[in-house]
N, C-alpha and C. Protein backbone atom coordinates (compact mmCIF):
# COMPACT_ATOMS: atom_id res chain seq x y z
N MET A 1 59.22 -44.22 -13.68
CA MET A 1 57.82 -44.00 -13.91
C MET A 1 57.61 -43.37 -15.27
N GLN A 2 56.68 -43.92 -15.94
CA GLN A 2 56.35 -43.39 -17.26
C GLN A 2 55.02 -42.65 -17.20
N LYS A 3 54.96 -41.55 -17.91
CA LYS A 3 53.71 -40.79 -17.98
C LYS A 3 52.97 -41.22 -19.24
N HIS A 4 51.70 -41.46 -19.04
CA HIS A 4 50.86 -41.83 -20.18
C HIS A 4 49.99 -40.63 -20.56
N HIS A 5 50.11 -40.19 -21.75
CA HIS A 5 49.28 -39.10 -22.26
C HIS A 5 48.16 -39.68 -23.10
N SER A 6 46.97 -39.35 -22.75
CA SER A 6 45.83 -39.87 -23.48
C SER A 6 45.27 -38.78 -24.39
N ARG A 7 44.92 -39.16 -25.57
CA ARG A 7 44.32 -38.21 -26.50
C ARG A 7 42.86 -37.93 -26.14
N ASP A 8 42.29 -38.74 -25.27
CA ASP A 8 40.89 -38.58 -24.91
C ASP A 8 40.69 -37.61 -23.74
N ALA A 9 41.73 -37.10 -23.15
CA ALA A 9 41.59 -36.21 -22.01
C ALA A 9 41.14 -34.82 -22.48
N GLY A 10 40.11 -34.22 -21.76
CA GLY A 10 39.65 -32.86 -22.09
C GLY A 10 38.62 -32.85 -23.20
N PHE A 11 38.22 -31.64 -23.58
CA PHE A 11 37.20 -31.44 -24.60
C PHE A 11 37.83 -30.77 -25.81
N THR A 12 37.30 -31.09 -26.95
CA THR A 12 37.78 -30.42 -28.16
C THR A 12 37.07 -29.09 -28.31
N LEU A 13 37.60 -28.25 -29.13
CA LEU A 13 36.99 -26.95 -29.38
C LEU A 13 35.60 -27.12 -29.98
N LEU A 14 35.42 -28.09 -30.83
CA LEU A 14 34.12 -28.34 -31.45
C LEU A 14 33.08 -28.74 -30.39
N GLU A 15 33.45 -29.58 -29.45
CA GLU A 15 32.52 -29.98 -28.39
C GLU A 15 32.11 -28.77 -27.54
N LEU A 16 33.06 -27.92 -27.20
CA LEU A 16 32.76 -26.73 -26.43
C LEU A 16 31.82 -25.79 -27.19
N LEU A 17 32.04 -25.64 -28.48
CA LEU A 17 31.18 -24.78 -29.29
C LEU A 17 29.75 -25.33 -29.36
N VAL A 18 29.62 -26.64 -29.46
CA VAL A 18 28.29 -27.26 -29.49
C VAL A 18 27.56 -26.99 -28.17
N VAL A 19 28.23 -27.16 -27.04
CA VAL A 19 27.63 -26.91 -25.74
C VAL A 19 27.22 -25.45 -25.60
N LEU A 20 28.09 -24.53 -26.03
CA LEU A 20 27.76 -23.11 -25.97
C LEU A 20 26.56 -22.77 -26.85
N ALA A 21 26.46 -23.40 -28.01
CA ALA A 21 25.33 -23.16 -28.91
C ALA A 21 24.04 -23.65 -28.26
N ILE A 22 24.07 -24.80 -27.61
CA ILE A 22 22.89 -25.34 -26.93
C ILE A 22 22.47 -24.41 -25.79
N LEU A 23 23.44 -23.94 -25.00
CA LEU A 23 23.13 -23.01 -23.91
C LEU A 23 22.54 -21.71 -24.45
N GLY A 24 23.06 -21.22 -25.55
CA GLY A 24 22.53 -20.01 -26.17
C GLY A 24 21.10 -20.19 -26.63
N LEU A 25 20.79 -21.33 -27.23
CA LEU A 25 19.42 -21.61 -27.65
C LEU A 25 18.47 -21.69 -26.46
N LEU A 26 18.91 -22.35 -25.41
CA LEU A 26 18.08 -22.42 -24.20
C LEU A 26 17.81 -21.04 -23.63
N ALA A 27 18.83 -20.20 -23.57
CA ALA A 27 18.66 -18.85 -23.04
C ALA A 27 17.70 -18.04 -23.92
N ALA A 28 17.79 -18.23 -25.23
CA ALA A 28 16.93 -17.49 -26.15
C ALA A 28 15.47 -17.93 -26.03
N ILE A 29 15.24 -19.18 -25.69
CA ILE A 29 13.88 -19.69 -25.57
C ILE A 29 13.30 -19.40 -24.19
N VAL A 30 14.07 -19.65 -23.15
CA VAL A 30 13.59 -19.52 -21.78
C VAL A 30 13.59 -18.07 -21.30
N GLY A 31 14.55 -17.27 -21.70
CA GLY A 31 14.69 -15.89 -21.22
C GLY A 31 13.44 -15.05 -21.39
N PRO A 32 12.88 -14.95 -22.59
CA PRO A 32 11.68 -14.13 -22.77
C PRO A 32 10.49 -14.62 -21.94
N GLN A 33 10.38 -15.93 -21.75
CA GLN A 33 9.28 -16.46 -20.94
C GLN A 33 9.42 -16.03 -19.49
N VAL A 34 10.64 -16.03 -18.98
CA VAL A 34 10.88 -15.62 -17.59
C VAL A 34 10.58 -14.13 -17.44
N ILE A 35 11.03 -13.32 -18.40
CA ILE A 35 10.77 -11.87 -18.36
C ILE A 35 9.27 -11.60 -18.39
N LYS A 36 8.54 -12.31 -19.26
CA LYS A 36 7.10 -12.13 -19.36
C LYS A 36 6.42 -12.51 -18.04
N TYR A 37 6.87 -13.57 -17.41
CA TYR A 37 6.30 -14.00 -16.14
C TYR A 37 6.55 -12.95 -15.05
N LEU A 38 7.75 -12.41 -15.00
CA LEU A 38 8.07 -11.40 -13.99
C LEU A 38 7.23 -10.14 -14.19
N ASP A 39 7.03 -9.74 -15.44
CA ASP A 39 6.21 -8.57 -15.72
C ASP A 39 4.76 -8.78 -15.30
N SER A 40 4.20 -9.93 -15.63
CA SER A 40 2.80 -10.18 -15.30
C SER A 40 2.60 -10.32 -13.80
N SER A 41 3.64 -10.65 -13.06
CA SER A 41 3.49 -10.81 -11.62
C SER A 41 3.16 -9.47 -10.95
N LYS A 42 3.62 -8.35 -11.50
CA LYS A 42 3.27 -7.05 -10.92
C LYS A 42 1.78 -6.76 -11.09
N SER A 43 1.24 -7.09 -12.25
CA SER A 43 -0.20 -6.88 -12.48
C SER A 43 -1.02 -7.76 -11.56
N GLN A 44 -0.60 -9.00 -11.40
CA GLN A 44 -1.33 -9.91 -10.52
C GLN A 44 -1.25 -9.43 -9.08
N SER A 45 -0.08 -8.97 -8.68
CA SER A 45 0.09 -8.44 -7.32
C SER A 45 -0.79 -7.22 -7.11
N ALA A 46 -0.86 -6.34 -8.10
CA ALA A 46 -1.70 -5.14 -8.00
C ALA A 46 -3.17 -5.51 -7.83
N ARG A 47 -3.62 -6.52 -8.55
CA ARG A 47 -5.01 -6.93 -8.45
C ARG A 47 -5.32 -7.45 -7.05
N VAL A 48 -4.43 -8.26 -6.49
CA VAL A 48 -4.64 -8.80 -5.14
C VAL A 48 -4.61 -7.67 -4.10
N GLN A 49 -3.65 -6.76 -4.23
CA GLN A 49 -3.56 -5.64 -3.30
C GLN A 49 -4.81 -4.76 -3.37
N ALA A 50 -5.31 -4.52 -4.57
CA ALA A 50 -6.52 -3.69 -4.73
C ALA A 50 -7.70 -4.34 -4.02
N LYS A 51 -7.80 -5.66 -4.11
CA LYS A 51 -8.88 -6.36 -3.40
C LYS A 51 -8.72 -6.24 -1.89
N ASN A 52 -7.49 -6.25 -1.40
CA ASN A 52 -7.25 -6.06 0.03
C ASN A 52 -7.67 -4.66 0.47
N VAL A 53 -7.41 -3.67 -0.37
CA VAL A 53 -7.82 -2.30 -0.04
C VAL A 53 -9.34 -2.21 0.00
N VAL A 54 -10.02 -2.90 -0.92
CA VAL A 54 -11.49 -2.92 -0.90
C VAL A 54 -12.00 -3.53 0.39
N ALA A 55 -11.36 -4.61 0.84
CA ALA A 55 -11.75 -5.24 2.11
C ALA A 55 -11.59 -4.25 3.27
N ALA A 56 -10.50 -3.48 3.26
CA ALA A 56 -10.28 -2.48 4.31
C ALA A 56 -11.33 -1.37 4.21
N LEU A 57 -11.70 -0.99 2.99
CA LEU A 57 -12.74 0.02 2.81
C LEU A 57 -14.09 -0.47 3.33
N ASN A 58 -14.35 -1.76 3.17
CA ASN A 58 -15.59 -2.32 3.69
C ASN A 58 -15.60 -2.29 5.22
N LEU A 59 -14.46 -2.52 5.86
CA LEU A 59 -14.37 -2.38 7.31
C LEU A 59 -14.61 -0.94 7.73
N PHE A 60 -14.03 0.00 6.97
CA PHE A 60 -14.26 1.42 7.22
C PHE A 60 -15.75 1.72 7.16
N LYS A 61 -16.42 1.18 6.14
CA LYS A 61 -17.85 1.42 5.97
C LYS A 61 -18.66 0.85 7.14
N LEU A 62 -18.25 -0.30 7.65
CA LEU A 62 -18.95 -0.88 8.80
C LEU A 62 -18.88 0.05 10.00
N ASP A 63 -17.72 0.67 10.21
CA ASP A 63 -17.55 1.57 11.35
C ASP A 63 -18.20 2.93 11.12
N ALA A 64 -18.03 3.49 9.94
CA ALA A 64 -18.43 4.87 9.67
C ALA A 64 -19.78 4.99 8.96
N SER A 65 -20.34 3.86 8.55
CA SER A 65 -21.61 3.83 7.80
C SER A 65 -21.50 4.51 6.44
N ARG A 66 -20.31 4.65 5.95
CA ARG A 66 -20.09 5.22 4.61
C ARG A 66 -18.67 4.88 4.18
N TYR A 67 -18.44 4.99 2.87
CA TYR A 67 -17.08 4.88 2.36
C TYR A 67 -16.39 6.23 2.50
N PRO A 68 -15.06 6.26 2.43
CA PRO A 68 -14.39 7.56 2.42
C PRO A 68 -14.83 8.36 1.19
N THR A 69 -14.80 9.66 1.29
CA THR A 69 -15.12 10.50 0.13
C THR A 69 -13.94 10.48 -0.84
N GLN A 70 -14.18 10.98 -2.05
CA GLN A 70 -13.09 11.07 -3.03
C GLN A 70 -11.95 11.90 -2.47
N GLU A 71 -12.28 12.96 -1.75
CA GLU A 71 -11.25 13.84 -1.20
C GLU A 71 -10.43 13.14 -0.12
N GLU A 72 -11.11 12.33 0.72
CA GLU A 72 -10.40 11.59 1.77
C GLU A 72 -9.54 10.49 1.18
N GLY A 73 -10.04 9.83 0.15
CA GLY A 73 -9.31 8.78 -0.55
C GLY A 73 -8.89 7.63 0.36
N VAL A 74 -7.90 6.87 -0.10
CA VAL A 74 -7.44 5.71 0.67
C VAL A 74 -6.68 6.14 1.92
N GLN A 75 -6.31 7.41 2.02
CA GLN A 75 -5.63 7.89 3.23
C GLN A 75 -6.53 7.78 4.45
N ALA A 76 -7.86 7.74 4.24
CA ALA A 76 -8.79 7.60 5.35
C ALA A 76 -8.65 6.25 6.04
N LEU A 77 -7.98 5.32 5.40
CA LEU A 77 -7.74 4.02 6.02
C LEU A 77 -6.61 4.08 7.04
N PHE A 78 -5.79 5.13 7.01
CA PHE A 78 -4.65 5.28 7.91
C PHE A 78 -4.79 6.46 8.86
N LYS A 79 -5.43 7.50 8.36
CA LYS A 79 -5.53 8.75 9.12
C LYS A 79 -7.00 9.08 9.31
N GLU A 80 -7.39 9.34 10.54
CA GLU A 80 -8.79 9.59 10.86
C GLU A 80 -9.27 10.87 10.17
N PRO A 81 -10.33 10.76 9.37
CA PRO A 81 -10.89 11.96 8.75
C PRO A 81 -11.51 12.87 9.81
N ALA A 82 -11.57 14.15 9.51
CA ALA A 82 -12.17 15.13 10.44
C ALA A 82 -13.65 14.81 10.63
N ASN A 83 -14.12 15.03 11.85
CA ASN A 83 -15.54 14.87 12.20
C ASN A 83 -16.07 13.46 11.93
N LEU A 84 -15.26 12.45 12.25
CA LEU A 84 -15.71 11.07 12.10
C LEU A 84 -15.35 10.30 13.37
N PRO A 85 -16.14 10.46 14.44
CA PRO A 85 -15.80 9.84 15.73
C PRO A 85 -15.87 8.32 15.72
N SER A 86 -16.58 7.73 14.75
CA SER A 86 -16.71 6.27 14.72
C SER A 86 -15.55 5.57 14.01
N TRP A 87 -14.56 6.35 13.58
CA TRP A 87 -13.38 5.77 12.91
C TRP A 87 -12.66 4.86 13.90
N ASN A 88 -12.35 3.65 13.49
CA ASN A 88 -11.72 2.69 14.38
C ASN A 88 -10.48 2.08 13.72
N GLY A 89 -9.74 2.90 12.99
CA GLY A 89 -8.60 2.42 12.21
C GLY A 89 -7.31 2.45 12.97
N PRO A 90 -6.23 2.23 12.35
CA PRO A 90 -6.07 2.07 10.89
C PRO A 90 -6.61 0.73 10.40
N TYR A 91 -7.07 0.72 9.17
CA TYR A 91 -7.72 -0.44 8.59
C TYR A 91 -6.77 -1.31 7.76
N LEU A 92 -5.59 -0.80 7.48
CA LEU A 92 -4.54 -1.58 6.82
C LEU A 92 -3.31 -1.54 7.72
N PRO A 93 -2.48 -2.60 7.72
CA PRO A 93 -1.35 -2.66 8.64
C PRO A 93 -0.30 -1.57 8.43
N GLU A 94 -0.12 -1.14 7.19
CA GLU A 94 0.86 -0.09 6.90
C GLU A 94 0.47 0.64 5.64
N GLN A 95 0.98 1.85 5.50
CA GLN A 95 0.60 2.69 4.35
C GLN A 95 1.08 2.11 3.03
N SER A 96 2.15 1.34 3.05
CA SER A 96 2.64 0.75 1.80
C SER A 96 1.64 -0.24 1.21
N ALA A 97 0.66 -0.70 2.00
CA ALA A 97 -0.37 -1.60 1.48
C ALA A 97 -1.31 -0.89 0.51
N ALA A 98 -1.31 0.44 0.52
CA ALA A 98 -2.16 1.21 -0.38
C ALA A 98 -1.37 1.81 -1.54
N VAL A 99 -0.17 1.25 -1.80
CA VAL A 99 0.68 1.71 -2.89
C VAL A 99 0.84 0.55 -3.88
N ASP A 100 0.64 0.84 -5.17
CA ASP A 100 0.72 -0.22 -6.18
C ASP A 100 2.17 -0.66 -6.41
N PRO A 101 2.38 -1.76 -7.12
CA PRO A 101 3.75 -2.26 -7.35
C PRO A 101 4.66 -1.30 -8.11
N TRP A 102 4.08 -0.27 -8.71
CA TRP A 102 4.88 0.72 -9.45
C TRP A 102 5.15 1.95 -8.61
N GLY A 103 4.77 1.91 -7.32
CA GLY A 103 5.11 2.99 -6.39
C GLY A 103 4.12 4.14 -6.32
N ARG A 104 2.95 3.99 -6.92
CA ARG A 104 1.94 5.05 -6.88
C ARG A 104 0.76 4.61 -6.01
N PRO A 105 0.10 5.55 -5.32
CA PRO A 105 -1.05 5.18 -4.49
C PRO A 105 -2.20 4.64 -5.35
N TYR A 106 -2.93 3.69 -4.79
CA TYR A 106 -4.12 3.20 -5.48
C TYR A 106 -5.15 4.32 -5.56
N LEU A 107 -5.91 4.31 -6.63
CA LEU A 107 -6.95 5.31 -6.85
C LEU A 107 -8.29 4.74 -6.42
N LEU A 108 -9.17 5.61 -6.04
CA LEU A 108 -10.46 5.23 -5.49
C LEU A 108 -11.55 5.90 -6.31
N ARG A 109 -12.58 5.14 -6.67
CA ARG A 109 -13.72 5.70 -7.39
C ARG A 109 -15.00 5.30 -6.65
N ILE A 110 -15.70 6.32 -6.14
CA ILE A 110 -16.95 6.09 -5.41
C ILE A 110 -18.01 7.01 -6.01
N PRO A 111 -19.12 6.55 -6.48
CA PRO A 111 -19.45 5.13 -6.65
C PRO A 111 -18.63 4.53 -7.79
N GLY A 112 -18.39 3.24 -7.68
CA GLY A 112 -17.56 2.56 -8.67
C GLY A 112 -18.33 2.20 -9.92
N GLU A 113 -17.62 1.92 -10.97
CA GLU A 113 -18.24 1.45 -12.22
C GLU A 113 -18.47 -0.06 -12.18
N HIS A 114 -17.73 -0.75 -11.30
CA HIS A 114 -17.82 -2.21 -11.23
C HIS A 114 -18.41 -2.70 -9.91
N GLY A 115 -18.72 -1.81 -9.02
CA GLY A 115 -19.28 -2.15 -7.72
C GLY A 115 -19.53 -0.87 -6.93
N GLU A 116 -19.77 -1.01 -5.64
CA GLU A 116 -19.99 0.18 -4.81
C GLU A 116 -18.76 1.08 -4.79
N VAL A 117 -17.60 0.45 -4.82
CA VAL A 117 -16.33 1.18 -4.78
C VAL A 117 -15.34 0.46 -5.69
N ASP A 118 -14.57 1.22 -6.44
CA ASP A 118 -13.50 0.66 -7.28
C ASP A 118 -12.16 1.15 -6.75
N VAL A 119 -11.24 0.23 -6.57
CA VAL A 119 -9.86 0.57 -6.24
C VAL A 119 -9.04 0.10 -7.43
N TYR A 120 -8.22 0.99 -7.96
CA TYR A 120 -7.50 0.63 -9.17
C TYR A 120 -6.15 1.33 -9.26
N SER A 121 -5.31 0.78 -10.14
CA SER A 121 -4.01 1.35 -10.47
C SER A 121 -3.99 1.58 -11.97
N LEU A 122 -3.26 2.57 -12.39
CA LEU A 122 -3.16 2.87 -13.82
C LEU A 122 -2.07 2.07 -14.52
N GLY A 123 -1.50 1.09 -13.85
CA GLY A 123 -0.50 0.22 -14.46
C GLY A 123 0.87 0.86 -14.49
N SER A 124 1.75 0.26 -15.25
CA SER A 124 3.15 0.67 -15.26
C SER A 124 3.38 2.06 -15.84
N ASP A 125 2.50 2.50 -16.76
CA ASP A 125 2.71 3.80 -17.39
C ASP A 125 2.04 4.95 -16.63
N GLY A 126 1.17 4.66 -15.68
CA GLY A 126 0.51 5.71 -14.91
C GLY A 126 -0.52 6.49 -15.71
N GLN A 127 -0.93 5.96 -16.86
CA GLN A 127 -1.91 6.63 -17.72
C GLN A 127 -3.14 5.74 -17.87
N PRO A 128 -4.32 6.32 -18.02
CA PRO A 128 -5.52 5.50 -18.23
C PRO A 128 -5.40 4.65 -19.49
N GLY A 129 -6.00 3.46 -19.44
CA GLY A 129 -5.97 2.55 -20.58
C GLY A 129 -4.67 1.79 -20.65
N GLY A 130 -4.26 1.44 -21.84
CA GLY A 130 -3.01 0.75 -22.04
C GLY A 130 -3.20 -0.74 -22.26
N THR A 131 -2.10 -1.41 -22.59
CA THR A 131 -2.10 -2.84 -22.81
C THR A 131 -0.94 -3.46 -22.06
N GLY A 132 -1.00 -4.75 -21.86
CA GLY A 132 0.08 -5.45 -21.17
C GLY A 132 0.25 -4.92 -19.75
N GLU A 133 1.49 -4.62 -19.37
CA GLU A 133 1.77 -4.11 -18.03
C GLU A 133 1.28 -2.68 -17.85
N ALA A 134 1.02 -1.98 -18.93
CA ALA A 134 0.52 -0.60 -18.84
C ALA A 134 -1.00 -0.55 -18.67
N LYS A 135 -1.65 -1.71 -18.73
CA LYS A 135 -3.11 -1.79 -18.61
C LYS A 135 -3.53 -1.47 -17.18
N ASP A 136 -4.67 -0.78 -17.05
CA ASP A 136 -5.23 -0.49 -15.73
C ASP A 136 -5.58 -1.79 -15.03
N VAL A 137 -5.32 -1.84 -13.73
CA VAL A 137 -5.59 -3.03 -12.93
C VAL A 137 -6.47 -2.62 -11.77
N GLY A 138 -7.57 -3.35 -11.56
CA GLY A 138 -8.47 -2.96 -10.50
C GLY A 138 -8.96 -4.12 -9.66
N SER A 139 -9.80 -3.80 -8.71
CA SER A 139 -10.33 -4.78 -7.77
C SER A 139 -11.47 -5.60 -8.36
N TRP A 140 -11.88 -5.31 -9.57
CA TRP A 140 -13.02 -6.01 -10.17
C TRP A 140 -12.59 -7.27 -10.87
């Protein structure tokens, strides 16, 4: 039996380098877009969650004929406020529904600047204002 060695078997170093260069270019182009998408998803999630909290606050108002006070805050959706016999909660399935994607509780403003009630998060930095992911996100 004779063994035949072919010069065409395998890849040359140049071919491998070209493939690696193409993969590097793809990673450089696609990577930042994926990161930007993942970052914006937290803001979008916060906006949807804030609207859900507003819906729960509206249910609270139907039962109690008022929104929770600033002092009661969003906790009134889980824990019955003192001297409120018409409370029929909890109004959200779990307390984590009132926590923004950055792990902080949603803030409540009554009366709101954008409606009867504003539910908002201060974004990734936890400070008023900001841009990008640090921008305030609300139910409006």
